[in-house]
ModelCIF file with pLDDT and N, C-alpha, C, O atoms, coordinates in Angstrom:
data_MODEL
#
_entry.id   MODEL 
#
_entity.id                         1 
_entity.type                       polymer 
_entity.pdbx_number_of_molecules   1 
#
_entity_poly.entity_id                      1 
_entity_poly.type                           'polypeptide(L)' 
_entity_poly.nstd_linkage                   no 
_entity_poly.nstd_monomer                   no 
_entity_poly.pdbx_seq_one_letter_code       NYAESVKGRFTISRDNAKNTVHLQMNSLKPEDTAVYYCNLRAGV 
_entity_poly.pdbx_seq_one_letter_code_can   NYAESVKGRFTISRDNAKNTVHLQMNSLKPEDTAVYYCNLRAGV 
_entity_poly.pdbx_strand_id                 A 
#
loop_
_entity_poly_seq.entity_id 
_entity_poly_seq.num 
_entity_poly_seq.mon_id 
_entity_poly_seq.hetero 
1 1  ASN n 
1 2  TYR n 
1 3  ALA n 
1 4  GLU n 
1 5  SER n 
1 6  VAL n 
1 7  LYS n 
1 8  GLY n 
1 9  ARG n 
1 10 PHE n 
1 11 THR n 
1 12 ILE n 
1 13 SER n 
1 14 ARG n 
1 15 ASP n 
1 16 ASN n 
1 17 ALA n 
1 18 LYS n 
1 19 ASN n 
1 20 THR n 
1 21 VAL n 
1 22 HIS n 
1 23 LEU n 
1 24 GLN n 
1 25 MET n 
1 26 ASN n 
1 27 SER n 
1 28 LEU n 
1 29 LYS n 
1 30 PRO n 
1 31 GLU n 
1 32 ASP n 
1 33 THR n 
1 34 ALA n 
1 35 VAL n 
1 36 TYR n 
1 37 TYR n 
1 38 CYS n 
1 39 ASN n 
1 40 LEU n 
1 41 ARG n 
1 42 ALA n 
1 43 GLY n 
1 44 VAL n 
#
_struct_asym.id          A 
_struct_asym.entity_id   1 
#
loop_
_ma_qa_metric.id 
_ma_qa_metric.mode 
_ma_qa_metric.name 
_ma_qa_metric.software_group_id 
_ma_qa_metric.type 
1 global pLDDT . pLDDT 
2 local  pLDDT . pLDDT 
#
_ma_qa_metric_global.metric_id      1 
_ma_qa_metric_global.metric_value   94.70 
_ma_qa_metric_global.model_id       1 
_ma_qa_metric_global.ordinal_id     1 
#
loop_
_ma_qa_metric_local.label_asym_id 
_ma_qa_metric_local.label_comp_id 
_ma_qa_metric_local.label_seq_id 
_ma_qa_metric_local.metric_id 
_ma_qa_metric_local.metric_value 
_ma_qa_metric_local.model_id 
_ma_qa_metric_local.ordinal_id 
A ASN 1  2 98.00 1 1  
A TYR 2  2 98.00 1 2  
A ALA 3  2 98.00 1 3  
A GLU 4  2 98.00 1 4  
A SER 5  2 98.00 1 5  
A VAL 6  2 98.00 1 6  
A LYS 7  2 98.00 1 7  
A GLY 8  2 98.00 1 8  
A ARG 9  2 98.00 1 9  
A PHE 10 2 98.00 1 10 
A THR 11 2 98.00 1 11 
A ILE 12 2 98.00 1 12 
A SER 13 2 96.00 1 13 
A ARG 14 2 92.00 1 14 
A ASP 15 2 88.00 1 15 
A ASN 16 2 80.00 1 16 
A ALA 17 2 82.00 1 17 
A LYS 18 2 84.00 1 18 
A ASN 19 2 85.00 1 19 
A THR 20 2 91.00 1 20 
A VAL 21 2 94.00 1 21 
A HIS 22 2 97.00 1 22 
A LEU 23 2 98.00 1 23 
A GLN 24 2 98.00 1 24 
A MET 25 2 98.00 1 25 
A ASN 26 2 98.00 1 26 
A SER 27 2 98.00 1 27 
A LEU 28 2 98.00 1 28 
A LYS 29 2 98.00 1 29 
A PRO 30 2 98.00 1 30 
A GLU 31 2 97.00 1 31 
A ASP 32 2 98.00 1 32 
A THR 33 2 98.00 1 33 
A ALA 34 2 98.00 1 34 
A VAL 35 2 98.00 1 35 
A TYR 36 2 98.00 1 36 
A TYR 37 2 98.00 1 37 
A CYS 38 2 96.00 1 38 
A ASN 39 2 96.00 1 39 
A LEU 40 2 93.00 1 40 
A ARG 41 2 90.00 1 41 
A ALA 42 2 86.00 1 42 
A GLY 43 2 84.00 1 43 
A VAL 44 2 88.00 1 44 
#
loop_
_atom_site.group_PDB 
_atom_site.id 
_atom_site.type_symbol 
_atom_site.label_atom_id 
_atom_site.label_alt_id 
_atom_site.label_comp_id 
_atom_site.label_asym_id 
_atom_site.label_entity_id 
_atom_site.label_seq_id 
_atom_site.pdbx_PDB_ins_code 
_atom_site.Cartn_x 
_atom_site.Cartn_y 
_atom_site.Cartn_z 
_atom_site.occupancy 
_atom_site.B_iso_or_equiv 
_atom_site.pdbx_formal_charge 
_atom_site.auth_seq_id 
_atom_site.auth_comp_id 
_atom_site.auth_asym_id 
_atom_site.auth_atom_id 
_atom_site.pdbx_PDB_model_num 
ATOM 1   N N  . ASN A 1 1  ? -33.068 -8.781  -40.193 1.00 98.00 ? 1  ASN A N  1 
ATOM 2   C CA . ASN A 1 1  ? -33.539 -8.079  -39.101 1.00 98.00 ? 1  ASN A CA 1 
ATOM 3   C C  . ASN A 1 1  ? -34.948 -8.818  -38.727 1.00 98.00 ? 1  ASN A C  1 
ATOM 4   O O  . ASN A 1 1  ? -35.585 -9.355  -39.633 1.00 98.00 ? 1  ASN A O  1 
ATOM 5   N N  . TYR A 1 2  ? -35.411 -8.837  -37.426 1.00 98.00 ? 2  TYR A N  1 
ATOM 6   C CA . TYR A 1 2  ? -36.612 -9.467  -37.085 1.00 98.00 ? 2  TYR A CA 1 
ATOM 7   C C  . TYR A 1 2  ? -37.463 -8.740  -36.169 1.00 98.00 ? 2  TYR A C  1 
ATOM 8   O O  . TYR A 1 2  ? -36.867 -7.972  -35.414 1.00 98.00 ? 2  TYR A O  1 
ATOM 9   N N  . ALA A 1 3  ? -38.628 -8.803  -36.069 1.00 98.00 ? 3  ALA A N  1 
ATOM 10  C CA . ALA A 1 3  ? -39.551 -8.361  -35.039 1.00 98.00 ? 3  ALA A CA 1 
ATOM 11  C C  . ALA A 1 3  ? -39.149 -8.973  -33.630 1.00 98.00 ? 3  ALA A C  1 
ATOM 12  O O  . ALA A 1 3  ? -38.727 -10.124 -33.524 1.00 98.00 ? 3  ALA A O  1 
ATOM 13  N N  . GLU A 1 4  ? -39.305 -8.153  -32.613 1.00 98.00 ? 4  GLU A N  1 
ATOM 14  C CA . GLU A 1 4  ? -38.820 -8.652  -31.406 1.00 98.00 ? 4  GLU A CA 1 
ATOM 15  C C  . GLU A 1 4  ? -39.649 -9.958  -31.080 1.00 98.00 ? 4  GLU A C  1 
ATOM 16  O O  . GLU A 1 4  ? -39.084 -10.868 -30.473 1.00 98.00 ? 4  GLU A O  1 
ATOM 17  N N  . SER A 1 5  ? -40.866 -10.071 -31.433 1.00 98.00 ? 5  SER A N  1 
ATOM 18  C CA . SER A 1 5  ? -41.783 -11.141 -31.132 1.00 98.00 ? 5  SER A CA 1 
ATOM 19  C C  . SER A 1 5  ? -41.374 -12.437 -31.831 1.00 98.00 ? 5  SER A C  1 
ATOM 20  O O  . SER A 1 5  ? -41.921 -13.460 -31.419 1.00 98.00 ? 5  SER A O  1 
ATOM 21  N N  . VAL A 1 6  ? -40.601 -12.530 -32.705 1.00 98.00 ? 6  VAL A N  1 
ATOM 22  C CA . VAL A 1 6  ? -40.125 -13.666 -33.370 1.00 98.00 ? 6  VAL A CA 1 
ATOM 23  C C  . VAL A 1 6  ? -38.537 -13.880 -33.501 1.00 98.00 ? 6  VAL A C  1 
ATOM 24  O O  . VAL A 1 6  ? -38.096 -14.783 -34.213 1.00 98.00 ? 6  VAL A O  1 
ATOM 25  N N  . LYS A 1 7  ? -37.805 -13.124 -32.878 1.00 98.00 ? 7  LYS A N  1 
ATOM 26  C CA . LYS A 1 7  ? -36.410 -13.030 -32.810 1.00 98.00 ? 7  LYS A CA 1 
ATOM 27  C C  . LYS A 1 7  ? -36.007 -14.187 -32.072 1.00 98.00 ? 7  LYS A C  1 
ATOM 28  O O  . LYS A 1 7  ? -36.460 -14.297 -30.932 1.00 98.00 ? 7  LYS A O  1 
ATOM 29  N N  . GLY A 1 8  ? -35.112 -15.216 -32.585 1.00 98.00 ? 8  GLY A N  1 
ATOM 30  C CA . GLY A 1 8  ? -34.647 -16.297 -32.022 1.00 98.00 ? 8  GLY A CA 1 
ATOM 31  C C  . GLY A 1 8  ? -35.431 -17.542 -32.410 1.00 98.00 ? 8  GLY A C  1 
ATOM 32  O O  . GLY A 1 8  ? -34.999 -18.670 -32.174 1.00 98.00 ? 8  GLY A O  1 
ATOM 33  N N  . ARG A 1 9  ? -36.655 -17.298 -33.041 1.00 98.00 ? 9  ARG A N  1 
ATOM 34  C CA . ARG A 1 9  ? -37.487 -18.341 -33.545 1.00 98.00 ? 9  ARG A CA 1 
ATOM 35  C C  . ARG A 1 9  ? -37.564 -18.492 -35.009 1.00 98.00 ? 9  ARG A C  1 
ATOM 36  O O  . ARG A 1 9  ? -37.758 -19.604 -35.500 1.00 98.00 ? 9  ARG A O  1 
ATOM 37  N N  . PHE A 1 10 ? -37.433 -17.512 -35.681 1.00 98.00 ? 10 PHE A N  1 
ATOM 38  C CA . PHE A 1 10 ? -37.733 -17.363 -37.014 1.00 98.00 ? 10 PHE A CA 1 
ATOM 39  C C  . PHE A 1 10 ? -36.470 -17.048 -37.656 1.00 98.00 ? 10 PHE A C  1 
ATOM 40  O O  . PHE A 1 10 ? -35.617 -16.354 -37.103 1.00 98.00 ? 10 PHE A O  1 
ATOM 41  N N  . THR A 1 11 ? -36.320 -17.609 -38.962 1.00 98.00 ? 11 THR A N  1 
ATOM 42  C CA . THR A 1 11 ? -35.061 -17.270 -39.729 1.00 98.00 ? 11 THR A CA 1 
ATOM 43  C C  . THR A 1 11 ? -35.425 -17.026 -41.189 1.00 98.00 ? 11 THR A C  1 
ATOM 44  O O  . THR A 1 11 ? -35.962 -17.900 -41.870 1.00 98.00 ? 11 THR A O  1 
ATOM 45  N N  . ILE A 1 12 ? -35.102 -15.747 -41.677 1.00 98.00 ? 12 ILE A N  1 
ATOM 46  C CA . ILE A 1 12 ? -35.271 -15.506 -43.070 1.00 98.00 ? 12 ILE A CA 1 
ATOM 47  C C  . ILE A 1 12 ? -34.013 -15.767 -43.985 1.00 98.00 ? 12 ILE A C  1 
ATOM 48  O O  . ILE A 1 12 ? -32.875 -15.443 -43.645 1.00 98.00 ? 12 ILE A O  1 
ATOM 49  N N  . SER A 1 13 ? -34.298 -16.336 -45.086 1.00 96.00 ? 13 SER A N  1 
ATOM 50  C CA . SER A 1 13 ? -33.193 -16.587 -45.987 1.00 96.00 ? 13 SER A CA 1 
ATOM 51  C C  . SER A 1 13 ? -33.480 -16.421 -47.494 1.00 96.00 ? 13 SER A C  1 
ATOM 52  O O  . SER A 1 13 ? -34.670 -16.386 -47.810 1.00 96.00 ? 13 SER A O  1 
ATOM 53  N N  . ARG A 1 14 ? -32.549 -16.314 -48.472 1.00 92.00 ? 14 ARG A N  1 
ATOM 54  C CA . ARG A 1 14 ? -32.944 -16.058 -49.746 1.00 92.00 ? 14 ARG A CA 1 
ATOM 55  C C  . ARG A 1 14 ? -32.017 -16.989 -50.688 1.00 92.00 ? 14 ARG A C  1 
ATOM 56  O O  . ARG A 1 14 ? -30.877 -17.302 -50.345 1.00 92.00 ? 14 ARG A O  1 
ATOM 57  N N  . ASP A 1 15 ? -32.564 -17.377 -51.823 1.00 88.00 ? 15 ASP A N  1 
ATOM 58  C CA . ASP A 1 15 ? -31.787 -18.049 -52.710 1.00 88.00 ? 15 ASP A CA 1 
ATOM 59  C C  . ASP A 1 15 ? -31.933 -17.365 -54.112 1.00 88.00 ? 15 ASP A C  1 
ATOM 60  O O  . ASP A 1 15 ? -32.780 -17.674 -54.951 1.00 88.00 ? 15 ASP A O  1 
ATOM 61  N N  . ASN A 1 16 ? -31.090 -16.503 -54.226 1.00 80.00 ? 16 ASN A N  1 
ATOM 62  C CA . ASN A 1 16 ? -31.097 -15.692 -55.480 1.00 80.00 ? 16 ASN A CA 1 
ATOM 63  C C  . ASN A 1 16 ? -31.231 -16.439 -56.805 1.00 80.00 ? 16 ASN A C  1 
ATOM 64  O O  . ASN A 1 16 ? -32.018 -16.099 -57.688 1.00 80.00 ? 16 ASN A O  1 
ATOM 65  N N  . ALA A 1 17 ? -30.394 -17.494 -56.878 1.00 82.00 ? 17 ALA A N  1 
ATOM 66  C CA . ALA A 1 17 ? -30.474 -18.236 -58.069 1.00 82.00 ? 17 ALA A CA 1 
ATOM 67  C C  . ALA A 1 17 ? -31.866 -18.973 -58.245 1.00 82.00 ? 17 ALA A C  1 
ATOM 68  O O  . ALA A 1 17 ? -32.164 -19.319 -59.388 1.00 82.00 ? 17 ALA A O  1 
ATOM 69  N N  . LYS A 1 18 ? -32.682 -19.223 -57.279 1.00 84.00 ? 18 LYS A N  1 
ATOM 70  C CA . LYS A 1 18 ? -33.871 -19.832 -57.463 1.00 84.00 ? 18 LYS A CA 1 
ATOM 71  C C  . LYS A 1 18 ? -35.064 -18.715 -57.307 1.00 84.00 ? 18 LYS A C  1 
ATOM 72  O O  . LYS A 1 18 ? -36.249 -19.045 -57.341 1.00 84.00 ? 18 LYS A O  1 
ATOM 73  N N  . ASN A 1 19 ? -34.641 -17.397 -57.138 1.00 85.00 ? 19 ASN A N  1 
ATOM 74  C CA . ASN A 1 19 ? -35.564 -16.422 -56.964 1.00 85.00 ? 19 ASN A CA 1 
ATOM 75  C C  . ASN A 1 19 ? -36.690 -16.732 -55.900 1.00 85.00 ? 19 ASN A C  1 
ATOM 76  O O  . ASN A 1 19 ? -37.897 -16.649 -56.122 1.00 85.00 ? 19 ASN A O  1 
ATOM 77  N N  . THR A 1 20 ? -36.087 -17.112 -54.682 1.00 91.00 ? 20 THR A N  1 
ATOM 78  C CA . THR A 1 20 ? -36.908 -17.635 -53.699 1.00 91.00 ? 20 THR A CA 1 
ATOM 79  C C  . THR A 1 20 ? -36.389 -16.949 -52.475 1.00 91.00 ? 20 THR A C  1 
ATOM 80  O O  . THR A 1 20 ? -35.198 -16.690 -52.305 1.00 91.00 ? 20 THR A O  1 
ATOM 81  N N  . VAL A 1 21 ? -37.441 -16.644 -51.550 1.00 94.00 ? 21 VAL A N  1 
ATOM 82  C CA . VAL A 1 21 ? -37.190 -16.393 -50.088 1.00 94.00 ? 21 VAL A CA 1 
ATOM 83  C C  . VAL A 1 21 ? -37.725 -17.261 -49.221 1.00 94.00 ? 21 VAL A C  1 
ATOM 84  O O  . VAL A 1 21 ? -38.762 -17.784 -49.627 1.00 94.00 ? 21 VAL A O  1 
ATOM 85  N N  . HIS A 1 22 ? -37.284 -17.645 -47.959 1.00 97.00 ? 22 HIS A N  1 
ATOM 86  C CA . HIS A 1 22 ? -37.795 -18.487 -47.141 1.00 97.00 ? 22 HIS A CA 1 
ATOM 87  C C  . HIS A 1 22 ? -38.000 -17.870 -45.672 1.00 97.00 ? 22 HIS A C  1 
ATOM 88  O O  . HIS A 1 22 ? -37.328 -16.934 -45.238 1.00 97.00 ? 22 HIS A O  1 
ATOM 89  N N  . LEU A 1 23 ? -38.906 -18.452 -45.049 1.00 98.00 ? 23 LEU A N  1 
ATOM 90  C CA . LEU A 1 23 ? -39.046 -18.115 -43.606 1.00 98.00 ? 23 LEU A CA 1 
ATOM 91  C C  . LEU A 1 23 ? -39.287 -19.317 -42.635 1.00 98.00 ? 23 LEU A C  1 
ATOM 92  O O  . LEU A 1 23 ? -40.406 -19.764 -42.385 1.00 98.00 ? 23 LEU A O  1 
ATOM 93  N N  . GLN A 1 24 ? -38.221 -19.749 -42.162 1.00 98.00 ? 24 GLN A N  1 
ATOM 94  C CA . GLN A 1 24 ? -38.220 -21.043 -41.137 1.00 98.00 ? 24 GLN A CA 1 
ATOM 95  C C  . GLN A 1 24 ? -38.862 -20.369 -39.871 1.00 98.00 ? 24 GLN A C  1 
ATOM 96  O O  . GLN A 1 24 ? -38.381 -19.376 -39.324 1.00 98.00 ? 24 GLN A O  1 
ATOM 97  N N  . MET A 1 25 ? -40.021 -21.031 -39.461 1.00 98.00 ? 25 MET A N  1 
ATOM 98  C CA . MET A 1 25 ? -40.570 -20.812 -38.188 1.00 98.00 ? 25 MET A CA 1 
ATOM 99  C C  . MET A 1 25 ? -40.563 -21.944 -37.279 1.00 98.00 ? 25 MET A C  1 
ATOM 100 O O  . MET A 1 25 ? -41.177 -22.989 -37.490 1.00 98.00 ? 25 MET A O  1 
ATOM 101 N N  . ASN A 1 26 ? -39.806 -21.686 -36.200 1.00 98.00 ? 26 ASN A N  1 
ATOM 102 C CA . ASN A 1 26 ? -39.890 -22.697 -35.080 1.00 98.00 ? 26 ASN A CA 1 
ATOM 103 C C  . ASN A 1 26 ? -40.436 -22.222 -33.814 1.00 98.00 ? 26 ASN A C  1 
ATOM 104 O O  . ASN A 1 26 ? -40.598 -21.025 -33.576 1.00 98.00 ? 26 ASN A O  1 
ATOM 105 N N  . SER A 1 27 ? -40.733 -23.210 -32.961 1.00 98.00 ? 27 SER A N  1 
ATOM 106 C CA . SER A 1 27 ? -41.320 -22.884 -31.717 1.00 98.00 ? 27 SER A CA 1 
ATOM 107 C C  . SER A 1 27 ? -42.552 -21.944 -31.858 1.00 98.00 ? 27 SER A C  1 
ATOM 108 O O  . SER A 1 27 ? -42.633 -20.894 -31.220 1.00 98.00 ? 27 SER A O  1 
ATOM 109 N N  . LEU A 1 28 ? -43.398 -22.323 -32.628 1.00 98.00 ? 28 LEU A N  1 
ATOM 110 C CA . LEU A 1 28 ? -44.602 -21.534 -33.013 1.00 98.00 ? 28 LEU A CA 1 
ATOM 111 C C  . LEU A 1 28 ? -45.641 -21.508 -31.824 1.00 98.00 ? 28 LEU A C  1 
ATOM 112 O O  . LEU A 1 28 ? -45.916 -22.458 -31.091 1.00 98.00 ? 28 LEU A O  1 
ATOM 113 N N  . LYS A 1 29 ? -46.186 -20.175 -31.777 1.00 98.00 ? 29 LYS A N  1 
ATOM 114 C CA . LYS A 1 29 ? -46.992 -19.911 -30.591 1.00 98.00 ? 29 LYS A CA 1 
ATOM 115 C C  . LYS A 1 29 ? -48.420 -19.581 -31.280 1.00 98.00 ? 29 LYS A C  1 
ATOM 116 O O  . LYS A 1 29 ? -48.482 -19.202 -32.449 1.00 98.00 ? 29 LYS A O  1 
ATOM 117 N N  . PRO A 1 30 ? -49.568 -19.757 -30.457 1.00 98.00 ? 30 PRO A N  1 
ATOM 118 C CA . PRO A 1 30 ? -50.877 -19.295 -31.031 1.00 98.00 ? 30 PRO A CA 1 
ATOM 119 C C  . PRO A 1 30 ? -50.867 -17.869 -31.626 1.00 98.00 ? 30 PRO A C  1 
ATOM 120 O O  . PRO A 1 30 ? -51.456 -17.672 -32.689 1.00 98.00 ? 30 PRO A O  1 
ATOM 121 N N  . GLU A 1 31 ? -50.205 -16.837 -30.971 1.00 97.00 ? 31 GLU A N  1 
ATOM 122 C CA . GLU A 1 31 ? -50.076 -15.394 -31.262 1.00 97.00 ? 31 GLU A CA 1 
ATOM 123 C C  . GLU A 1 31 ? -49.403 -15.375 -32.634 1.00 97.00 ? 31 GLU A C  1 
ATOM 124 O O  . GLU A 1 31 ? -49.568 -14.322 -33.251 1.00 97.00 ? 31 GLU A O  1 
ATOM 125 N N  . ASP A 1 32 ? -48.703 -16.288 -33.220 1.00 98.00 ? 32 ASP A N  1 
ATOM 126 C CA . ASP A 1 32 ? -48.085 -16.406 -34.627 1.00 98.00 ? 32 ASP A CA 1 
ATOM 127 C C  . ASP A 1 32 ? -49.284 -16.530 -35.578 1.00 98.00 ? 32 ASP A C  1 
ATOM 128 O O  . ASP A 1 32 ? -49.058 -16.211 -36.745 1.00 98.00 ? 32 ASP A O  1 
ATOM 129 N N  . THR A 1 33 ? -50.496 -16.935 -35.274 1.00 98.00 ? 33 THR A N  1 
ATOM 130 C CA . THR A 1 33 ? -51.425 -17.085 -36.259 1.00 98.00 ? 33 THR A CA 1 
ATOM 131 C C  . THR A 1 33 ? -51.828 -15.888 -36.998 1.00 98.00 ? 33 THR A C  1 
ATOM 132 O O  . THR A 1 33 ? -52.303 -14.883 -36.470 1.00 98.00 ? 33 THR A O  1 
ATOM 133 N N  . ALA A 1 34 ? -51.599 -16.058 -38.331 1.00 98.00 ? 34 ALA A N  1 
ATOM 134 C CA . ALA A 1 34 ? -51.801 -14.717 -39.218 1.00 98.00 ? 34 ALA A CA 1 
ATOM 135 C C  . ALA A 1 34 ? -51.764 -15.256 -40.745 1.00 98.00 ? 34 ALA A C  1 
ATOM 136 O O  . ALA A 1 34 ? -51.321 -16.377 -40.995 1.00 98.00 ? 34 ALA A O  1 
ATOM 137 N N  . VAL A 1 35 ? -52.181 -14.524 -41.595 1.00 98.00 ? 35 VAL A N  1 
ATOM 138 C CA . VAL A 1 35 ? -51.758 -14.570 -42.873 1.00 98.00 ? 35 VAL A CA 1 
ATOM 139 C C  . VAL A 1 35 ? -50.453 -13.882 -43.160 1.00 98.00 ? 35 VAL A C  1 
ATOM 140 O O  . VAL A 1 35 ? -50.309 -12.693 -42.875 1.00 98.00 ? 35 VAL A O  1 
ATOM 141 N N  . TYR A 1 36 ? -49.497 -14.596 -43.717 1.00 98.00 ? 36 TYR A N  1 
ATOM 142 C CA . TYR A 1 36 ? -48.118 -14.253 -43.947 1.00 98.00 ? 36 TYR A CA 1 
ATOM 143 C C  . TYR A 1 36 ? -47.968 -13.725 -45.446 1.00 98.00 ? 36 TYR A C  1 
ATOM 144 O O  . TYR A 1 36 ? -48.485 -14.374 -46.356 1.00 98.00 ? 36 TYR A O  1 
ATOM 145 N N  . TYR A 1 37 ? -47.428 -12.825 -45.646 1.00 98.00 ? 37 TYR A N  1 
ATOM 146 C CA . TYR A 1 37 ? -47.271 -12.076 -47.049 1.00 98.00 ? 37 TYR A CA 1 
ATOM 147 C C  . TYR A 1 37 ? -45.806 -12.078 -47.213 1.00 98.00 ? 37 TYR A C  1 
ATOM 148 O O  . TYR A 1 37 ? -45.100 -11.888 -46.223 1.00 98.00 ? 37 TYR A O  1 
ATOM 149 N N  . CYS A 1 38 ? -45.299 -12.272 -48.347 1.00 96.00 ? 38 CYS A N  1 
ATOM 150 C CA . CYS A 1 38 ? -44.208 -11.952 -48.998 1.00 96.00 ? 38 CYS A CA 1 
ATOM 151 C C  . CYS A 1 38 ? -43.954 -10.583 -49.815 1.00 96.00 ? 38 CYS A C  1 
ATOM 152 O O  . CYS A 1 38 ? -44.665 -10.217 -50.750 1.00 96.00 ? 38 CYS A O  1 
ATOM 153 N N  . ASN A 1 39 ? -42.923 -9.938  -49.361 1.00 96.00 ? 39 ASN A N  1 
ATOM 154 C CA . ASN A 1 39 ? -42.781 -8.467  -49.892 1.00 96.00 ? 39 ASN A CA 1 
ATOM 155 C C  . ASN A 1 39 ? -41.507 -8.275  -50.725 1.00 96.00 ? 39 ASN A C  1 
ATOM 156 O O  . ASN A 1 39 ? -40.503 -8.913  -50.411 1.00 96.00 ? 39 ASN A O  1 
ATOM 157 N N  . LEU A 1 40 ? -41.489 -7.501  -51.686 1.00 93.00 ? 40 LEU A N  1 
ATOM 158 C CA . LEU A 1 40 ? -40.312 -7.248  -52.467 1.00 93.00 ? 40 LEU A CA 1 
ATOM 159 C C  . LEU A 1 40 ? -40.322 -5.656  -52.823 1.00 93.00 ? 40 LEU A C  1 
ATOM 160 O O  . LEU A 1 40 ? -41.276 -5.164  -53.426 1.00 93.00 ? 40 LEU A O  1 
ATOM 161 N N  . ARG A 1 41 ? -39.308 -4.960  -52.451 1.00 90.00 ? 41 ARG A N  1 
ATOM 162 C CA . ARG A 1 41 ? -39.024 -3.736  -52.964 1.00 90.00 ? 41 ARG A CA 1 
ATOM 163 C C  . ARG A 1 41 ? -38.128 -3.619  -54.138 1.00 90.00 ? 41 ARG A C  1 
ATOM 164 O O  . ARG A 1 41 ? -37.026 -4.168  -54.121 1.00 90.00 ? 41 ARG A O  1 
ATOM 165 N N  . ALA A 1 42 ? -38.568 -2.887  -55.228 1.00 86.00 ? 42 ALA A N  1 
ATOM 166 C CA . ALA A 1 42 ? -37.626 -2.890  -56.375 1.00 86.00 ? 42 ALA A CA 1 
ATOM 167 C C  . ALA A 1 42 ? -37.657 -1.378  -56.863 1.00 86.00 ? 42 ALA A C  1 
ATOM 168 O O  . ALA A 1 42 ? -38.585 -0.996  -57.575 1.00 86.00 ? 42 ALA A O  1 
ATOM 169 N N  . GLY A 1 43 ? -36.759 -0.623  -56.522 1.00 84.00 ? 43 GLY A N  1 
ATOM 170 C CA . GLY A 1 43 ? -36.931 0.763   -57.044 1.00 84.00 ? 43 GLY A CA 1 
ATOM 171 C C  . GLY A 1 43 ? -38.041 1.413   -56.361 1.00 84.00 ? 43 GLY A C  1 
ATOM 172 O O  . GLY A 1 43 ? -38.193 1.521   -55.144 1.00 84.00 ? 43 GLY A O  1 
ATOM 173 N N  . VAL A 1 44 ? -38.908 1.894   -57.430 1.00 88.00 ? 44 VAL A N  1 
ATOM 174 C CA . VAL A 1 44 ? -40.118 2.596   -56.820 1.00 88.00 ? 44 VAL A CA 1 
ATOM 175 C C  . VAL A 1 44 ? -41.160 1.581   -56.666 1.00 88.00 ? 44 VAL A C  1 
ATOM 176 O O  . VAL A 1 44 ? -42.254 1.885   -56.191 1.00 88.00 ? 44 VAL A O  1 
#
C-alpha cells in the first residue's frame, strides 16, 4: 500500500533471502524531499 502522494510513482519490494527492502522512486518531485526511514515491526 502507498500514500496517495506517491502512488503510481513509487514501488516497494522485498527480498527476504537477502533481508532487504527497496523503494524505487520514479518521477520525483521537489515535495518528495525528506529523510526516508526504513521500518520493521516484529511482534512487540
